[in-house]
Protein backbone atom coordinates (compact mmCIF):
# COMPACT_ATOMS: atom_id res chain seq x y z
CA MET A 1 93.91 110.50 118.04
CA SER A 2 97.37 108.63 116.36
CA GLY A 3 98.20 106.17 113.73
CA PRO A 4 98.65 106.11 109.49
CA VAL A 5 97.91 109.13 107.59
CA PHE A 6 98.32 108.49 103.73
CA VAL A 7 99.55 111.69 102.06
CA ILE A 8 98.66 110.68 98.38
CA ALA A 9 99.69 112.19 95.17
CA LYS A 10 101.16 112.80 92.20
CA GLN A 11 105.04 113.05 91.82
CA ARG A 12 106.25 116.50 91.97
CA SER A 13 103.07 117.70 94.12
CA GLY A 14 104.81 118.77 97.72
CA THR A 15 104.58 115.50 99.22
CA ASN A 16 107.98 116.26 100.71
CA LEU A 17 107.55 119.37 101.63
CA LEU A 18 104.07 118.82 103.31
CA ARG A 19 105.46 115.88 105.31
CA LYS A 20 108.76 117.18 106.13
CA SER A 21 106.98 120.44 107.75
CA LEU A 22 104.54 118.54 109.51
CA ALA A 23 107.16 116.18 111.02
CA SER A 24 108.62 119.30 112.42
CA THR A 25 106.13 119.71 115.16
CA CYS A 26 105.71 116.75 118.22
CA TRP A 27 102.10 115.52 116.17
CA PHE A 28 103.53 113.90 113.18
CA GLU A 29 106.22 111.29 112.26
CA ASP A 30 107.48 110.99 108.61
CA ARG A 31 107.80 107.50 107.25
CA ASP A 32 108.65 108.55 103.91
CA GLU A 33 107.66 107.29 100.40
CA ILE A 34 107.26 103.61 101.16
CA PHE A 35 107.19 101.88 97.57
CA HIS A 36 109.95 104.11 96.69
CA TYR A 37 111.10 102.83 93.35
CA ARG A 38 114.98 102.35 95.34
CA ARG A 39 114.62 99.37 97.64
CA ASP A 40 116.66 100.59 99.80
CA LEU A 41 115.17 103.65 100.27
CA GLY A 42 111.15 101.94 100.56
CA VAL A 43 110.75 100.70 104.03
CA PHE A 44 107.84 98.44 102.67
CA TRP A 45 109.87 96.64 100.79
CA LEU A 46 112.81 95.75 103.44
CA HIS A 47 109.73 94.91 105.64
CA ARG A 48 108.45 92.81 103.09
CA ALA A 49 111.65 91.37 102.86
CA LEU A 50 112.15 90.04 106.19
CA MET A 51 108.25 88.98 106.30
CA ILE A 52 108.83 86.54 103.26
CA ALA A 53 112.14 85.22 105.17
CA ARG A 54 110.22 84.47 108.12
CA ASP A 55 107.28 82.79 105.63
CA PRO A 56 108.48 82.05 101.97
CA GLU A 57 104.83 81.93 101.37
CA LEU A 58 104.27 85.55 101.64
CA SER A 59 106.57 86.08 98.09
CA ILE A 60 103.30 84.82 96.61
CA PRO A 61 100.97 88.14 95.90
CA THR A 62 97.44 86.93 96.75
CA LEU A 63 95.55 89.79 98.03
CA LYS A 64 95.35 88.02 101.33
CA ASN A 65 98.84 87.60 101.51
CA GLN A 66 99.09 91.49 100.24
CA GLU A 67 96.48 92.24 103.00
CA LYS A 68 98.58 90.69 105.97
CA LEU A 69 101.77 92.14 104.79
CA PHE A 70 100.47 95.67 104.65
CA GLU A 71 99.05 94.71 108.02
CA SER A 72 102.18 93.73 109.52
CA PHE A 73 104.34 96.76 108.43
CA LEU A 74 101.37 99.34 109.50
CA SER A 75 101.72 97.64 112.87
CA VAL A 76 105.80 98.44 112.91
CA TYR A 77 106.08 101.40 110.90
CA ALA A 78 103.00 103.31 111.75
CA GLY A 79 102.33 102.01 115.49
CA ASP A 80 103.62 105.56 117.42
CA GLU A 81 101.02 105.72 119.65
CA ARG A 82 102.26 109.66 120.31
CA ALA A 83 102.05 110.86 116.67
CA PHE A 84 100.15 110.59 113.17
CA SER A 85 102.58 108.29 110.79
CA LEU A 86 102.52 110.13 107.80
CA ILE A 87 102.76 107.61 105.00
CA ASP A 88 103.48 108.67 101.30
CA VAL A 89 102.35 106.63 98.58
CA LYS A 90 102.51 108.23 94.80
CA TYR A 91 100.15 107.52 91.92
CA ASN A 92 102.06 104.99 90.20
CA SER A 93 102.79 103.11 93.17
CA PHE A 94 98.85 102.25 93.72
CA HIS A 95 98.61 98.81 92.47
CA ASN A 96 102.07 97.48 94.56
CA LEU A 97 99.78 95.81 96.68
CA ASN A 98 97.49 94.36 93.96
CA SER A 99 97.50 90.16 93.11
CA MET A 100 99.69 88.85 90.19
CA PHE A 101 97.01 90.40 87.22
CA HIS A 102 95.10 93.68 87.83
CA ASP A 103 93.03 96.10 86.25
CA HIS A 104 94.36 99.39 86.34
CA ALA A 105 90.81 100.90 86.14
CA VAL A 106 89.67 99.53 89.12
CA ARG A 107 90.10 101.00 92.41
CA PRO A 108 93.67 99.75 93.80
CA ASN A 109 93.84 97.02 96.59
CA ILE A 110 95.40 99.33 98.80
CA LEU A 111 92.70 102.33 98.54
CA ASP A 112 90.39 99.60 100.06
CA LEU A 113 92.72 98.37 102.72
CA ILE A 114 92.84 102.06 103.80
CA ALA A 115 89.10 102.17 103.67
CA GLU A 116 88.58 99.25 105.79
CA LYS A 117 91.01 100.42 108.43
CA ASP A 118 89.74 104.21 108.31
CA CYS A 119 92.77 105.51 108.04
CA PRO A 120 92.74 109.41 106.70
CA VAL A 121 94.32 110.74 103.53
CA ILE A 122 95.43 113.70 102.28
CA HIS A 123 95.21 114.53 98.89
CA LEU A 124 97.64 116.51 97.29
CA VAL A 125 97.26 118.48 93.99
CA ARG A 126 99.25 120.65 92.10
CA LYS A 127 97.08 123.52 90.49
CA ASP A 128 99.69 124.50 88.35
CA SER A 129 99.99 121.30 86.39
CA ILE A 130 102.67 123.00 83.93
CA ALA A 131 104.91 123.79 86.78
CA ALA A 132 105.04 120.36 88.27
CA TYR A 133 106.01 119.14 84.53
CA VAL A 134 109.01 121.43 84.61
CA SER A 135 109.80 120.92 88.01
CA LEU A 136 110.02 117.14 87.08
CA ARG A 137 112.20 117.53 84.20
CA VAL A 138 114.83 119.61 86.03
CA ALA A 139 115.00 117.04 89.16
CA ARG A 140 115.73 114.40 86.48
CA ASN A 141 118.18 116.97 84.63
CA ARG A 142 119.90 117.46 88.00
CA LYS A 143 119.36 114.06 89.50
CA VAL A 144 117.93 115.96 92.73
CA PHE A 145 114.17 115.49 93.91
CA VAL A 146 114.13 117.45 97.56
CA ASP A 147 116.33 120.07 98.24
CA LYS A 148 117.26 121.57 101.82
CA THR A 149 117.09 124.89 102.18
CA ASP A 150 121.04 125.44 101.81
CA VAL A 151 121.14 123.97 98.21
CA ARG A 152 121.63 126.32 95.53
CA GLU A 153 118.46 126.89 93.07
CA CYS A 154 118.11 126.05 89.83
CA ASN A 155 119.17 128.39 86.60
CA GLN A 156 119.79 125.93 84.28
CA LYS A 157 117.52 126.35 81.10
CA ILE A 158 115.85 123.30 79.82
CA LYS A 159 113.65 122.63 76.35
CA VAL A 160 110.72 120.87 76.81
CA PRO A 161 109.53 118.33 74.40
CA VAL A 162 105.78 120.00 73.44
CA PRO A 163 104.18 116.79 72.37
CA HIS A 164 105.10 114.81 75.84
CA LEU A 165 103.95 117.64 78.43
CA ILE A 166 100.73 117.67 76.51
CA ASN A 167 100.52 114.08 77.10
CA TYR A 168 101.51 114.68 80.61
CA LEU A 169 99.09 117.09 81.03
CA ARG A 170 95.67 115.12 79.54
CA ASP A 171 97.17 112.42 81.46
CA LEU A 172 97.91 113.96 84.97
CA ASP A 173 93.87 115.25 84.84
CA ILE A 174 92.42 112.03 84.15
CA GLU A 175 94.81 110.51 87.01
CA VAL A 176 93.58 113.07 89.66
CA ARG A 177 89.99 112.99 88.30
CA ARG A 178 90.10 108.35 88.83
CA THR A 179 91.96 109.07 92.31
CA ARG A 180 88.90 111.30 93.76
CA ASN A 181 86.33 108.76 92.27
CA TRP A 182 88.17 105.83 93.80
CA PHE A 183 87.88 108.17 97.28
CA ASN A 184 84.70 107.89 96.89
CA ALA A 185 83.92 104.89 95.79
CA GLU A 186 82.05 102.14 97.86
CA LYS A 187 83.78 101.98 101.02
CA PRO A 188 84.64 105.32 100.72
CA ILE A 189 87.92 107.08 101.97
CA ARG A 190 88.20 109.49 104.66
CA TRP A 191 90.10 112.28 102.96
CA MET A 192 91.13 116.19 102.41
CA GLU A 193 92.48 117.73 99.54
CA LEU A 194 94.96 120.56 99.52
CA GLU A 195 96.93 121.97 96.54
CA PHE A 196 100.59 122.54 96.57
CA GLU A 197 100.86 126.39 95.84
CA SER A 198 98.21 126.82 99.23
CA ILE A 199 100.98 125.32 102.10
CA ILE A 200 103.46 127.89 102.14
CA ASP A 201 101.95 132.06 102.57
CA GLY A 202 103.36 134.97 101.35
CA LYS A 203 106.28 135.42 103.78
CA GLY A 204 107.57 131.80 102.63
CA GLU A 205 106.40 130.29 106.01
CA PHE A 206 103.59 127.02 106.54
CA SER A 207 100.21 128.54 106.02
CA PHE A 208 98.16 129.42 108.98
CA THR A 209 95.02 128.32 107.00
CA VAL A 210 96.29 124.85 106.03
CA ALA A 211 98.00 123.93 109.56
CA ASN A 212 93.94 124.73 110.39
CA GLN A 213 92.60 122.58 108.00
CA ILE A 214 94.59 119.69 108.92
CA GLN A 215 93.81 120.08 112.61
CA GLN A 216 90.55 119.77 111.68
CA PHE A 217 90.40 117.15 110.00
CA LEU A 218 92.66 115.35 112.02
CA LYS A 219 91.07 116.23 115.01
CA ILE A 220 93.86 117.49 117.10
CA PRO A 221 93.22 118.94 120.02
CA LEU A 222 95.94 121.59 120.23
CA ALA A 223 96.56 124.29 117.00
CA PHE A 224 100.55 123.53 115.79
CA GLU A 225 102.95 125.55 113.77
CA PRO A 226 104.82 123.60 111.19
CA HIS A 227 108.32 124.98 110.27
CA VAL A 228 109.09 124.76 106.58
CA LEU A 229 112.45 122.61 106.06
CA THR A 230 112.71 121.96 102.33
CA LYS A 231 112.55 124.74 99.79
CA LYS A 232 111.40 124.57 96.03
CA ILE A 233 113.80 123.20 93.13
CA ILE A 234 112.69 126.05 90.89
CA SER A 235 112.18 129.38 93.37
CA ARG A 236 111.83 131.77 90.28
CA PRO A 237 108.79 131.37 87.58
CA TYR A 238 109.34 128.34 85.79
CA TRP A 239 108.82 129.57 82.52
CA GLU A 240 112.04 131.37 82.38
CA LEU A 241 114.01 128.10 82.62
CA VAL A 242 112.33 126.98 79.51
CA SER A 243 114.40 127.94 76.31
CA ASN A 244 111.36 127.13 74.08
CA PHE A 245 108.46 128.13 76.11
CA GLU A 246 107.18 131.43 74.04
CA SER A 247 108.28 130.06 70.62
CA GLU A 248 106.72 126.28 70.87
CA VAL A 249 105.11 125.66 74.27
CA VAL A 250 102.97 128.62 74.77
CA PRO A 251 101.16 128.51 70.60
CA ALA A 252 100.86 124.57 70.99
CA LEU A 253 98.82 124.33 74.53
CA ASN A 254 96.98 127.47 73.22
CA GLN A 255 96.11 125.67 70.35
CA SER A 256 95.68 121.99 71.91
CA GLY A 257 92.98 123.56 74.56
CA PHE A 258 94.95 123.35 77.69
CA GLY A 259 95.78 127.63 77.09
CA HIS A 260 93.82 127.98 80.29
CA LEU A 261 96.65 126.54 81.83
CA LEU A 262 99.07 129.02 80.90
CA PRO A 263 99.84 132.17 83.01
CA ILE A 264 97.68 134.91 81.82
CA GLN A 265 99.91 137.10 80.31
CA PHE A 266 100.86 134.26 77.34
CA ARG A 267 97.16 133.23 77.00
CA THR A 268 95.45 133.76 73.69
CA GLU A 269 91.99 135.75 74.08
CA ALA A 270 90.29 132.69 73.43
CA ASN A 271 91.48 130.91 76.24
CA ASP A 272 91.88 133.99 78.42
CA ASN A 273 88.20 133.27 80.17
CA SER A 274 88.22 129.92 78.85
CA GLN A 275 87.34 126.32 80.62
CA PRO A 276 89.14 123.36 80.96
CA ALA A 277 88.85 121.62 77.26
CA ALA A 278 86.77 118.40 77.42
CA LYS A 279 89.01 115.19 78.55
CA ASP A 280 88.47 111.76 78.61
CA ALA A 281 86.45 110.41 81.03
CA ALA A 282 88.36 108.98 84.18
C-alpha cells in the first residue's frame, strides 16, 4: 500500500492545499508539480536532464523514450514504500510526455501510462469557476501563487476583462468534461473527484468527510487527520475585490448564459433556476 497518486487539476483548483495537507500525515509524501514551468522547480525536468546526459538518444521525444523517462522518474521520485507520493499534474502539462507531433483532442500519453500502471488519480475541480478566475488574476498580480498561513491576505482591487473571463469559463467547462472522458476512455483510470470547496470545513480545518473519502479510495487501513498548512489568497468574497463586478461582470454573465455561476444575489430572475447553457462538445 504505497506508490504514486496523481493529483490532476486546472490551475487555481487547490492542489497545493490538498497535497500539503495530506503530506502533514505519515501516509503521504508531496512531490509537488512535476512539470512546473520553471525548470528549477519541476522535478521531472531535472531527472530528464540527468537521464539525457547519460543517454543522449533519450532527448528524441518518441513515445518509447517518453515512457522510459517517466518510468525512471517514478522509480526514483515515487518509490517510497512507506507512503503514497502525491504527484501534481496540471491540465496545461498533459502533453509533456507526448511525441513531437500530437493531437490535443486525443488522450495524452501520460494518462495512458497512468492507466497502464493502475496509478490512482484524484481529480480536483473548483465548483466556483468565477472565484478560480479571480484567484488566478490576483495571484498573477501579486506574483504569489501559494500563501503560507502567516502571509497577509489580498485586499487590492482588480478590474476583470469580461471577454477574457467568458472565454475562461467556456474553456474550463470543456477541459473538465474532456478530462473526465479521458479518465473513462479505453484503458480506464482509477479515479475519484473532489471539489476544492469541500476540502476545508466550516471551522477552517481539513474536512473529516474528505479525509474519509480519500482513505477509502486508497484503502488506507487507519483514519488520518491532515492539517491545513496553506491558506487561500482571497479569504473574503471575491466580488468585493473586483472593481467592475456589478457594473460589467454581472450583466455580461447574465446575458451570455453563465449567470448560473454567479452568487445567487447577483443573478437575474431568468438565471435563478436556470441550467448551465449548452457548451461546445468536449
